[in-house]
Each structure stands twice: as C-alpha cells, then as structure tokens.
Amino acid sequence: MRAPPLLLCVALTALVEPGRTQQEPAEAERAEPDILSGIEGTPISSVDAWRAHRPALVKLLENEMFGPMPTERLQVAATEVERDPAALGGAATRTQWVVELSRGKELLSVELLVYVPNEREGLVPAFLGLNFKGNHTVWPDEEIRVPRTWMANDAKFGVKDNRASESARGQRTARWPIDLLVSRGYALATAYYGDLDPDFDDGFRNGLHAVLGDDPARDTLGTIGAWAFGLSHLLDALGKVDGLDQERVAVFGHSRLGKTALWAGATDPRFWFAISNNSGCGGAALSRRRHGETVKRIQEVFPHWFTTRFRRYADHEDDLPFDQHHLIALMAPRPVYVASASGDDWADPRGEFLAAVGATPAWELHGLRGLGGATFPEAPDTALGEGSVGYHLRSGKHDVTAWDWARFLDFADRHRER
C-alpha cells in the first residue's frame, strides 16, 4: 500500500526485530510519519495550521483504529446515592453516584466513586480513571458499592459466574493510593470500566453500544472508543461534585485503559491532561517497532478493542497512515504524561518513550517544552520532562505503584498554577 501524502517521513526511531531486547543496539533506522506534515504534505508551521489540521488527524484515527465517535452526545443524569464527610479518617468526603447515560429509551447506569479533600481552598483538581475490578477494590471502605454488571471470572478477586463479590474489597489499594492524592490536594473519581462497556467480543451490542441505538457508530466503534466516550460523559457528571474543579480533571489509565485515557484526552479537549501508564501497543508504543505486543497479536486476542478496519495493519504496520506519536500529539498544547516499567517489555518502554519524543514538535510549535533532546533513561526510576510532556521509567513490572502516582502528582503540581 502506498502511503498517503500525510506521511512526509523523518527518521525518528530504530527498527527493533521481534525478540530483540530493549538494550541491544538497533541495526537500522526506521522512518516515522512526521506529525507536522498535513494533508497533501503541506507543512504545519503555525498554531493556526495545527488547529486546522487537528480534526483531520482525529478523523484519521477514528476511521483506521478506534472507530468513529458517536454523532450525538448522550443525556447525563447524576444522582448522589451515598456520602461520608469523614472518609479517610476525616481527610476527605466520599460520595457515590449513579450516573445514567441515555439516548431515547436506552439507558446505561454507571457507578462513580469520588473522594474530595476536606482541607482545601476553593475548588480542587481531580484525577478521573476507570478501574478493572470494581470500585470496592480501590479502597477498603465497607460502604463502597460492589458492581452488579458483568465481570470476567477471576478466583483471585472472588469473581464467579461473572459477578463481583465482597471478597475483593480493598485488593487494589496499591494501584489507587487515595490517601496520597488527598494529602497532595487532589480529588479522585473512578468507575468500573465494565459498567461502561463489557470487555469481551460481543459484536458491539452490549453496554454503551446498546445505548447508541441506530447511531452509525454503534457497529464500528471499538470498545476502547466506547470507554473513552464514556469517560467524556463522566466528566460531565463531575460538574455536580462539591469542591471539585471540573475544568482541571486529568484522565488517567493503566494498560488498555492507558490507551483509553490517551484517546479520551484526544477527543475531549476539556480534559486538563492525560496520563498513559504502561499502555503499550495501541497506546503510547510505536507500532512500527513490532516490539512486544504487535498489531497482529493485540487484535487476535482483543478484536473488540478497535474498529475492524484496524485489522488490515496486522503484519503491515508500515502501511499505517500514522503512528502512536500522532495520538500523543493530539493532546497539544495541553500536557501529557507517558509512564513505562523496565520489566514490562510486552508494552515496549523504549517505544513509548520514542513516541513521546516524536510527539514533542506539536508542543514546540506552541512555544512549549516537550522532550526534545531527551534520551532513554540509562536506569529505571528516572523521570524526565519539566515541560508539557512528561515521561518516566519505573523499575518493576506491568502495574501501577505509589512511585508512579508520586510522579503523576509532581507533574500535576507543575501545571496546577499555569
């Protein structure tokens, strides 16, 4: 397939053959699409030109990867169903909400858990992210409601017959250090991702897809796109939460939900910034490297995550009319943070770093600092970027830790007053 004119190419990163370790030298340079080259190859040399080009880039990723976003917004109704003004030993107010997303007669209910610091001056910024095992797993508070929607069976978390149970309460607190966020002056909002759309290949018929009714996106929107669309509506619901600054909400995600966070941030400019943690293929990692999880492999295992057109690029990554640095660049001029783990080769930490570097010209075009001139960390537990693009390499495996969150909070602090 001949590359379209959009792809004026620059040497950005190296070809890494399947099986090559992160530390081995590359044998050849691989060309990557230039993010500052527009349709018909017209150079993008100004902020106005970037703004004019951006909708076409979003449309390209919709058509070829994630599927088109629905043509109409859903109706959002948020009802508070529980409140504890003395949560976390009095440090925070916990509220739980039932958020109803509807279109015509179709209705989807999502349970949203929110913690807001009690000690604050004015409105506080927040992190919004989806969780994998239910709101009750992120903190051991006994009043946090257990999800009633479909969940993949998992004996470790007490999920049987596709239903969550009390036994998993508080099992994921290491990934969600709510006390740390509150102590640093930030709110947290989270919802079980399966409430928005079930994570299995159902032919795009359940969850949020069912609410879309006859919307043309129903049969072509991948599940990652559905989760991102849902996060945009949960942002609407946060407008009802006392003490929370709806205009400074960062969208966060780990693994497949890190892919989702980047796409949510790209398609909804109201998000303050986006955090991608260990998102790998289809997220922050460059597809052309074919390192770790590949375009072919991810679609063999998770065909429902993307629109069906994305399948044409399995084993044909060079035919992609974009790469993942385009996805990251869609956050510009808003901040973005990419996080990797040294023991998570499947997610290709070097590829995630190179994509963040490759996206940097979009911020430099706006007169902002990115990761220009940065080199891949020689050792883990290293954070890079004092400007609008942040990156870190943590020691350890595919996970989210307190160390990760401390770096996210440091990044948020730098942008809080800007």
Protein backbone atom coordinates (compact mmCIF):
# COMPACT_ATOMS: atom_id res chain seq x y z
CA MET A 1 0.00 0.00 0.00
CA ARG A 2 1.33 3.41 -0.94
CA ALA A 3 1.48 5.87 1.93
CA PRO A 4 -0.83 8.90 1.55
CA PRO A 5 0.63 12.42 1.27
CA LEU A 6 0.18 12.91 5.00
CA LEU A 7 3.25 10.78 5.54
CA LEU A 8 6.20 13.01 4.94
CA CYS A 9 8.65 10.96 6.97
CA VAL A 10 11.51 11.71 9.29
CA ALA A 11 13.97 9.30 10.87
CA LEU A 12 12.70 9.07 14.43
CA THR A 13 13.39 5.66 15.87
CA ALA A 14 15.00 2.34 15.22
CA LEU A 15 13.79 -0.92 13.80
CA VAL A 16 13.74 -3.48 16.57
CA GLU A 17 13.17 -7.01 15.35
CA PRO A 18 10.76 -9.26 17.25
CA GLY A 19 12.56 -10.78 20.19
CA ARG A 20 15.25 -8.13 20.41
CA THR A 21 15.77 -6.85 23.94
CA GLN A 22 15.48 -3.19 24.85
CA GLN A 23 19.23 -2.86 25.42
CA GLU A 24 20.51 -4.38 22.16
CA PRO A 25 21.61 -1.88 19.51
CA ALA A 26 19.32 -1.33 16.56
CA GLU A 27 20.56 -2.39 13.14
CA ALA A 28 18.74 0.23 11.07
CA GLU A 29 16.79 3.43 11.25
CA ARG A 30 13.06 3.29 10.69
CA ALA A 31 11.15 6.24 9.26
CA GLU A 32 8.11 7.51 11.11
CA PRO A 33 5.33 9.77 9.83
CA ASP A 34 6.02 13.43 10.51
CA ILE A 35 3.39 14.90 12.82
CA LEU A 36 3.99 18.38 11.36
CA SER A 37 3.04 17.34 7.85
CA GLY A 38 -0.57 17.86 6.90
CA ILE A 39 -2.87 16.63 4.17
CA GLU A 40 -1.21 16.71 0.74
CA GLY A 41 2.12 17.13 2.52
CA THR A 42 1.56 20.75 3.47
CA PRO A 43 3.93 21.67 6.30
CA ILE A 44 2.29 22.62 9.59
CA SER A 45 4.30 25.64 10.70
CA SER A 46 1.91 27.60 12.90
CA VAL A 47 -0.56 27.12 15.73
CA ASP A 48 -3.42 28.05 13.39
CA ALA A 49 -2.28 25.40 10.91
CA TRP A 50 -2.16 22.80 13.70
CA ARG A 51 -5.66 23.70 14.82
CA ALA A 52 -6.91 23.41 11.25
CA HIS A 53 -5.19 20.05 10.78
CA ARG A 54 -6.18 18.51 14.10
CA PRO A 55 -9.78 17.48 13.16
CA ALA A 56 -8.46 15.60 10.13
CA LEU A 57 -5.97 13.73 12.32
CA VAL A 58 -8.70 12.79 14.81
CA LYS A 59 -10.84 11.57 11.91
CA LEU A 60 -7.95 9.50 10.57
CA LEU A 61 -7.51 7.68 13.89
CA GLU A 62 -11.27 7.21 14.13
CA ASN A 63 -11.50 5.68 10.68
CA GLU A 64 -8.46 3.43 10.86
CA MET A 65 -8.07 2.48 14.53
CA PHE A 66 -10.62 3.34 17.21
CA GLY A 67 -13.82 3.75 15.24
CA PRO A 68 -15.92 6.90 14.85
CA MET A 69 -17.18 8.65 17.94
CA PRO A 70 -21.00 8.77 18.13
CA THR A 71 -22.63 11.64 16.28
CA GLU A 72 -24.64 12.79 19.29
CA ARG A 73 -23.85 13.29 22.97
CA LEU A 74 -25.80 11.21 25.44
CA GLN A 75 -28.01 12.63 28.14
CA VAL A 76 -26.31 12.57 31.55
CA ALA A 77 -28.13 12.40 34.90
CA ALA A 78 -26.04 12.04 38.08
CA THR A 79 -27.64 11.14 41.41
CA GLU A 80 -25.74 11.04 44.69
CA VAL A 81 -26.55 7.78 46.49
CA GLU A 82 -24.07 7.81 49.40
CA ARG A 83 -21.96 10.37 51.25
CA ASP A 84 -19.39 10.16 54.04
CA PRO A 85 -17.98 13.56 55.03
CA ALA A 86 -15.39 11.91 57.31
CA ALA A 87 -13.79 9.38 54.96
CA LEU A 88 -10.08 8.57 55.23
CA GLY A 89 -10.15 9.41 58.92
CA GLY A 90 -11.77 12.77 58.25
CA ALA A 91 -9.38 13.84 55.47
CA ALA A 92 -11.90 13.53 52.65
CA THR A 93 -15.55 13.44 51.69
CA ARG A 94 -16.53 10.29 49.85
CA THR A 95 -19.54 10.35 47.58
CA GLN A 96 -21.01 7.67 45.35
CA TRP A 97 -23.10 8.49 42.32
CA VAL A 98 -25.30 6.63 39.90
CA VAL A 99 -24.67 8.22 36.52
CA GLU A 100 -27.32 7.44 33.94
CA LEU A 101 -26.33 7.77 30.28
CA SER A 102 -29.28 7.69 27.92
CA ARG A 103 -30.37 8.17 24.34
CA GLY A 104 -34.07 7.90 23.78
CA LYS A 105 -35.41 4.88 25.67
CA GLU A 106 -31.99 3.22 26.05
CA LEU A 107 -30.30 3.70 29.43
CA LEU A 108 -26.95 2.73 30.96
CA SER A 109 -26.13 3.12 34.67
CA VAL A 110 -22.56 3.71 35.82
CA GLU A 111 -21.45 3.82 39.47
CA LEU A 112 -18.99 6.65 40.11
CA LEU A 113 -16.87 6.82 43.29
CA VAL A 114 -15.40 10.20 44.29
CA TYR A 115 -13.08 11.34 47.08
CA VAL A 116 -12.56 15.09 47.61
CA PRO A 117 -10.10 16.54 50.18
CA ASN A 118 -11.82 18.27 53.09
CA GLU A 119 -8.91 20.63 53.66
CA ARG A 120 -8.98 22.89 50.64
CA GLU A 121 -9.19 26.46 49.50
CA GLY A 122 -11.60 26.75 46.62
CA LEU A 123 -12.06 24.01 44.05
CA VAL A 124 -9.52 21.19 43.77
CA PRO A 125 -8.24 19.44 40.63
CA ALA A 126 -9.00 15.76 40.14
CA PHE A 127 -7.90 12.55 38.50
CA LEU A 128 -10.55 10.52 36.67
CA GLY A 129 -9.80 6.92 35.75
CA LEU A 130 -11.52 3.62 35.14
CA ASN A 131 -10.71 0.57 37.26
CA PHE A 132 -10.64 -3.12 36.31
CA LYS A 133 -12.23 -4.94 39.24
CA GLY A 134 -14.87 -2.63 40.69
CA ASN A 135 -14.96 0.48 42.86
CA HIS A 136 -14.96 -1.65 46.03
CA THR A 137 -11.44 -2.90 45.18
CA VAL A 138 -9.75 0.53 45.19
CA TRP A 139 -10.22 1.18 48.93
CA PRO A 140 -11.48 -0.98 51.84
CA ASP A 141 -14.33 1.33 52.90
CA GLU A 142 -17.26 -1.00 53.59
CA GLU A 143 -19.85 1.35 52.14
CA ILE A 144 -18.35 1.33 48.64
CA ARG A 145 -20.81 -0.45 46.40
CA VAL A 146 -19.96 -3.70 44.61
CA PRO A 147 -20.65 -3.64 40.85
CA ARG A 148 -23.58 -5.61 39.58
CA THR A 149 -22.62 -5.66 35.91
CA TRP A 150 -20.75 -8.39 34.00
CA MET A 151 -17.15 -9.09 35.09
CA ALA A 152 -14.68 -11.66 33.80
CA ASN A 153 -14.38 -14.63 36.17
CA ASP A 154 -11.32 -14.32 38.42
CA ALA A 155 -10.89 -16.50 41.50
CA LYS A 156 -8.25 -14.17 42.95
CA PHE A 157 -10.81 -11.39 43.12
CA GLY A 158 -13.75 -13.59 44.04
CA VAL A 159 -15.49 -13.18 40.69
CA LYS A 160 -17.71 -16.18 40.00
CA ASP A 161 -20.45 -16.57 37.40
CA ASN A 162 -19.31 -13.21 36.02
CA ARG A 163 -20.30 -11.35 39.19
CA ALA A 164 -18.09 -9.44 41.63
CA SER A 165 -18.13 -10.19 45.35
CA GLU A 166 -17.23 -8.67 48.72
CA SER A 167 -14.06 -10.74 48.95
CA ALA A 168 -12.18 -8.36 46.65
CA ARG A 169 -12.81 -5.29 48.80
CA GLY A 170 -9.65 -3.19 49.05
CA GLN A 171 -7.49 -5.57 47.00
CA ARG A 172 -6.37 -2.84 44.59
CA THR A 173 -5.44 -0.08 47.05
CA ALA A 174 -1.81 -0.28 45.90
CA ARG A 175 -2.92 0.93 42.47
CA TRP A 176 -5.14 3.65 43.88
CA PRO A 177 -3.33 5.43 46.78
CA ILE A 178 -6.27 7.69 47.52
CA ASP A 179 -4.77 8.88 50.78
CA LEU A 180 -1.69 10.13 48.90
CA LEU A 181 -3.79 12.00 46.34
CA VAL A 182 -5.92 13.62 49.02
CA SER A 183 -2.87 14.60 51.09
CA ARG A 184 -1.46 16.32 47.99
CA GLY A 185 -4.68 18.27 47.46
CA TYR A 186 -6.29 16.26 44.65
CA ALA A 187 -9.65 14.55 44.25
CA LEU A 188 -10.09 11.11 42.74
CA ALA A 189 -13.01 9.81 40.69
CA THR A 190 -13.22 6.25 39.41
CA ALA A 191 -15.70 3.83 37.88
CA TYR A 192 -15.61 0.16 36.93
CA TYR A 193 -14.82 0.01 33.22
CA GLY A 194 -17.30 -2.82 32.63
CA ASP A 195 -20.12 -0.51 33.71
CA LEU A 196 -19.48 1.45 30.50
CA ASP A 197 -18.86 -1.43 28.12
CA PRO A 198 -18.11 -5.12 28.78
CA ASP A 199 -14.58 -6.22 27.92
CA PHE A 200 -15.36 -9.10 25.58
CA ASP A 201 -16.18 -9.54 21.92
CA ASP A 202 -19.96 -9.20 21.92
CA GLY A 203 -20.40 -7.85 18.41
CA PHE A 204 -20.72 -4.29 19.76
CA ARG A 205 -24.17 -4.96 21.19
CA ASN A 206 -23.96 -4.58 24.99
CA GLY A 207 -23.07 -1.76 27.36
CA LEU A 208 -22.67 1.67 25.87
CA HIS A 209 -23.06 0.28 22.34
CA ALA A 210 -26.64 -0.73 23.18
CA VAL A 211 -27.42 2.84 24.24
CA LEU A 212 -26.30 4.18 20.85
CA GLY A 213 -29.32 2.61 19.18
CA ASP A 214 -29.28 3.50 15.49
CA ASP A 215 -26.24 5.77 15.71
CA PRO A 216 -23.90 4.87 12.79
CA ALA A 217 -21.04 4.43 15.26
CA ARG A 218 -22.75 1.52 17.00
CA ASP A 219 -21.38 -1.18 14.70
CA THR A 220 -17.91 0.31 14.15
CA LEU A 221 -16.87 1.95 17.43
CA GLY A 222 -14.28 -0.20 19.20
CA THR A 223 -14.57 -0.83 22.91
CA ILE A 224 -11.63 1.48 23.68
CA GLY A 225 -13.52 4.21 21.87
CA ALA A 226 -16.64 3.38 23.88
CA TRP A 227 -14.73 3.63 27.16
CA ALA A 228 -13.27 6.97 26.04
CA PHE A 229 -16.72 8.25 25.07
CA GLY A 230 -17.99 7.15 28.47
CA LEU A 231 -15.18 8.97 30.30
CA SER A 232 -16.15 12.15 28.50
CA HIS A 233 -19.67 11.80 29.92
CA LEU A 234 -18.36 11.01 33.40
CA LEU A 235 -16.53 14.32 33.16
CA ASP A 236 -19.95 15.91 32.66
CA ALA A 237 -21.19 14.22 35.83
CA LEU A 238 -18.28 15.57 37.89
CA GLY A 239 -19.77 19.02 37.50
CA LYS A 240 -22.19 18.09 40.28
CA VAL A 241 -19.49 17.15 42.83
CA ASP A 242 -18.96 19.73 45.58
CA GLY A 243 -15.44 21.13 45.80
CA LEU A 244 -14.16 19.56 42.57
CA ASP A 245 -12.78 21.70 39.75
CA GLN A 246 -14.38 20.28 36.60
CA GLU A 247 -12.03 22.36 34.43
CA ARG A 248 -8.93 20.67 35.89
CA VAL A 249 -9.64 16.96 35.58
CA ALA A 250 -6.79 14.75 34.37
CA VAL A 251 -7.77 11.47 32.72
CA PHE A 252 -5.68 8.50 33.83
CA GLY A 253 -5.43 4.90 32.70
CA HIS A 254 -3.27 1.80 33.02
CA SER A 255 -2.66 -0.80 30.30
CA ARG A 256 -5.71 -0.99 27.98
CA LEU A 257 -7.18 1.87 29.97
CA GLY A 258 -3.98 3.84 29.32
CA LYS A 259 -4.82 3.54 25.63
CA THR A 260 -8.30 4.72 26.54
CA ALA A 261 -7.02 7.72 28.51
CA LEU A 262 -4.98 8.94 25.54
CA TRP A 263 -7.95 8.63 23.20
CA ALA A 264 -10.31 10.26 25.70
CA GLY A 265 -7.90 13.18 26.06
CA ALA A 266 -7.50 13.43 22.30
CA THR A 267 -11.24 13.52 21.58
CA ASP A 268 -12.38 15.67 24.50
CA PRO A 269 -10.31 18.87 24.85
CA ARG A 270 -11.94 19.59 28.22
CA PHE A 271 -9.59 17.14 29.93
CA TRP A 272 -6.81 19.03 31.70
CA PHE A 273 -4.17 16.47 30.76
CA ALA A 274 -3.84 12.74 30.09
CA ILE A 275 -1.74 10.02 31.74
CA SER A 276 -0.88 6.80 29.93
CA ASN A 277 0.62 4.12 32.20
CA ASN A 278 2.13 1.02 30.55
CA SER A 279 -0.28 1.38 27.63
CA GLY A 280 1.88 -0.36 25.01
CA CYS A 281 0.53 -1.36 21.59
CA GLY A 282 -2.40 0.77 20.54
CA GLY A 283 -1.48 3.26 23.27
CA ALA A 284 1.83 5.07 23.59
CA ALA A 285 4.16 2.50 21.98
CA LEU A 286 5.16 2.92 18.34
CA SER A 287 3.52 0.21 16.22
CA ARG A 288 6.26 0.16 13.58
CA ARG A 289 8.79 -1.17 16.08
CA ARG A 290 6.92 -4.50 16.22
CA HIS A 291 8.36 -5.00 19.68
CA GLY A 292 6.50 -6.81 22.43
CA GLU A 293 2.79 -6.89 21.69
CA THR A 294 2.16 -6.26 18.00
CA VAL A 295 -0.80 -5.00 16.00
CA LYS A 296 -1.49 -8.57 14.86
CA ARG A 297 -1.26 -10.10 18.32
CA ILE A 298 -3.42 -7.50 20.06
CA GLN A 299 -6.22 -7.99 17.55
CA GLU A 300 -6.07 -11.76 17.74
CA VAL A 301 -6.67 -11.60 21.50
CA PHE A 302 -8.79 -8.44 21.77
CA PRO A 303 -10.56 -7.93 18.42
CA HIS A 304 -13.26 -5.78 20.04
CA TRP A 305 -10.93 -3.03 21.24
CA PHE A 306 -10.56 -1.42 17.83
CA THR A 307 -12.63 -0.82 14.73
CA THR A 308 -12.47 -3.69 12.24
CA ARG A 309 -10.52 -1.59 9.70
CA PHE A 310 -7.52 -1.70 12.04
CA ARG A 311 -7.10 -5.41 11.23
CA ARG A 312 -5.69 -4.60 7.81
CA TYR A 313 -2.48 -3.39 9.50
CA ALA A 314 -1.66 -6.71 11.19
CA ASP A 315 1.85 -7.54 9.92
CA HIS A 316 1.57 -4.39 7.78
CA GLU A 317 2.43 -1.70 10.28
CA ASP A 318 4.35 0.31 7.68
CA ASP A 319 1.08 0.89 5.85
CA LEU A 320 -0.39 2.73 8.83
CA PRO A 321 -1.05 6.38 7.87
CA PHE A 322 0.01 7.39 11.40
CA ASP A 323 1.80 6.01 14.43
CA GLN A 324 1.19 6.41 18.13
CA HIS A 325 3.09 9.68 18.46
CA HIS A 326 0.19 11.17 16.49
CA LEU A 327 -2.19 10.03 19.22
CA ILE A 328 0.00 11.59 21.92
CA ALA A 329 0.41 14.81 19.91
CA LEU A 330 -3.36 15.31 19.84
CA MET A 331 -3.09 16.43 23.46
CA ALA A 332 -1.10 19.53 22.44
CA PRO A 333 -0.98 22.17 23.76
CA ARG A 334 -2.41 20.52 26.89
CA PRO A 335 0.04 18.46 28.99
CA VAL A 336 0.50 14.71 28.62
CA TYR A 337 2.38 12.10 30.65
CA VAL A 338 3.65 8.69 29.48
CA ALA A 339 4.86 6.12 32.02
CA SER A 340 6.71 2.85 31.44
CA ALA A 341 8.13 0.00 33.53
CA SER A 342 11.53 -1.59 32.91
CA GLY A 343 10.19 -5.12 33.40
CA ASP A 344 7.24 -4.61 31.05
CA ASP A 345 8.87 -5.47 27.72
CA TRP A 346 5.48 -6.51 26.29
CA ALA A 347 4.44 -2.83 26.42
CA ASP A 348 7.76 -1.72 24.84
CA PRO A 349 9.04 1.00 27.19
CA ARG A 350 11.51 2.30 24.60
CA GLY A 351 8.74 2.55 22.02
CA GLU A 352 6.60 4.50 24.48
CA PHE A 353 9.47 6.88 25.17
CA LEU A 354 10.22 7.38 21.46
CA ALA A 355 6.58 8.16 20.77
CA ALA A 356 6.57 10.82 23.49
CA VAL A 357 9.73 12.32 21.97
CA GLY A 358 8.24 12.08 18.48
CA ALA A 359 5.14 13.97 19.60
CA THR A 360 7.22 16.82 21.06
CA PRO A 361 7.20 19.07 17.93
CA ALA A 362 3.46 19.64 18.47
CA TRP A 363 4.23 21.38 21.77
CA GLU A 364 7.29 23.19 20.44
CA LEU A 365 5.05 24.61 17.72
CA HIS A 366 3.05 26.23 20.54
CA GLY A 367 6.19 27.59 22.17
CA LEU A 368 6.11 24.92 24.89
CA ARG A 369 8.72 22.43 26.08
CA GLY A 370 8.37 18.77 25.32
CA LEU A 371 11.02 16.05 25.44
CA GLY A 372 13.26 17.43 22.71
CA GLY A 373 16.81 16.21 23.17
CA ALA A 374 15.91 13.65 25.84
CA THR A 375 17.48 10.20 25.79
CA PHE A 376 16.02 6.94 27.03
CA PRO A 377 16.84 6.56 30.75
CA GLU A 378 20.00 4.57 31.43
CA ALA A 379 18.47 3.30 34.66
CA PRO A 380 14.90 2.83 35.88
CA ASP A 381 13.19 5.02 38.47
CA THR A 382 14.01 8.04 36.35
CA ALA A 383 11.56 10.81 35.47
CA LEU A 384 12.07 13.16 32.53
CA GLY A 385 10.43 16.35 31.35
CA GLU A 386 9.98 19.68 33.08
CA GLY A 387 7.69 20.95 30.35
CA SER A 388 4.36 19.87 28.89
CA VAL A 389 5.41 16.30 28.03
CA GLY A 390 6.46 14.03 30.89
CA TYR A 391 7.90 10.52 30.87
CA HIS A 392 9.24 8.10 33.42
CA LEU A 393 10.72 4.62 33.50
CA ARG A 394 9.95 2.75 36.71
CA SER A 395 11.62 -0.44 37.86
CA GLY A 396 9.30 -3.42 38.08
CA LYS A 397 6.56 -4.96 36.01
CA HIS A 398 3.23 -4.14 34.38
CA ASP A 399 1.48 -2.38 37.25
CA VAL A 400 0.67 0.96 38.90
CA THR A 401 2.54 1.85 42.08
CA ALA A 402 2.78 4.66 44.60
CA TRP A 403 6.03 5.68 42.89
CA ASP A 404 4.12 6.16 39.63
CA TRP A 405 1.47 8.22 41.36
CA ALA A 406 4.04 10.42 43.09
CA ARG A 407 5.47 11.30 39.65
CA PHE A 408 1.98 11.98 38.25
CA LEU A 409 1.29 14.30 41.18
CA ASP A 410 4.62 16.09 40.73
CA PHE A 411 3.70 16.67 37.08
CA ALA A 412 0.24 17.91 38.06
CA ASP A 413 1.76 20.26 40.64
CA ARG A 414 3.94 21.86 37.96
CA HIS A 415 0.91 22.56 35.79
CA ARG A 416 -1.57 23.37 38.53
CA GLU A 417 -0.88 27.10 38.59
CA ARG A 418 -0.15 27.53 34.89
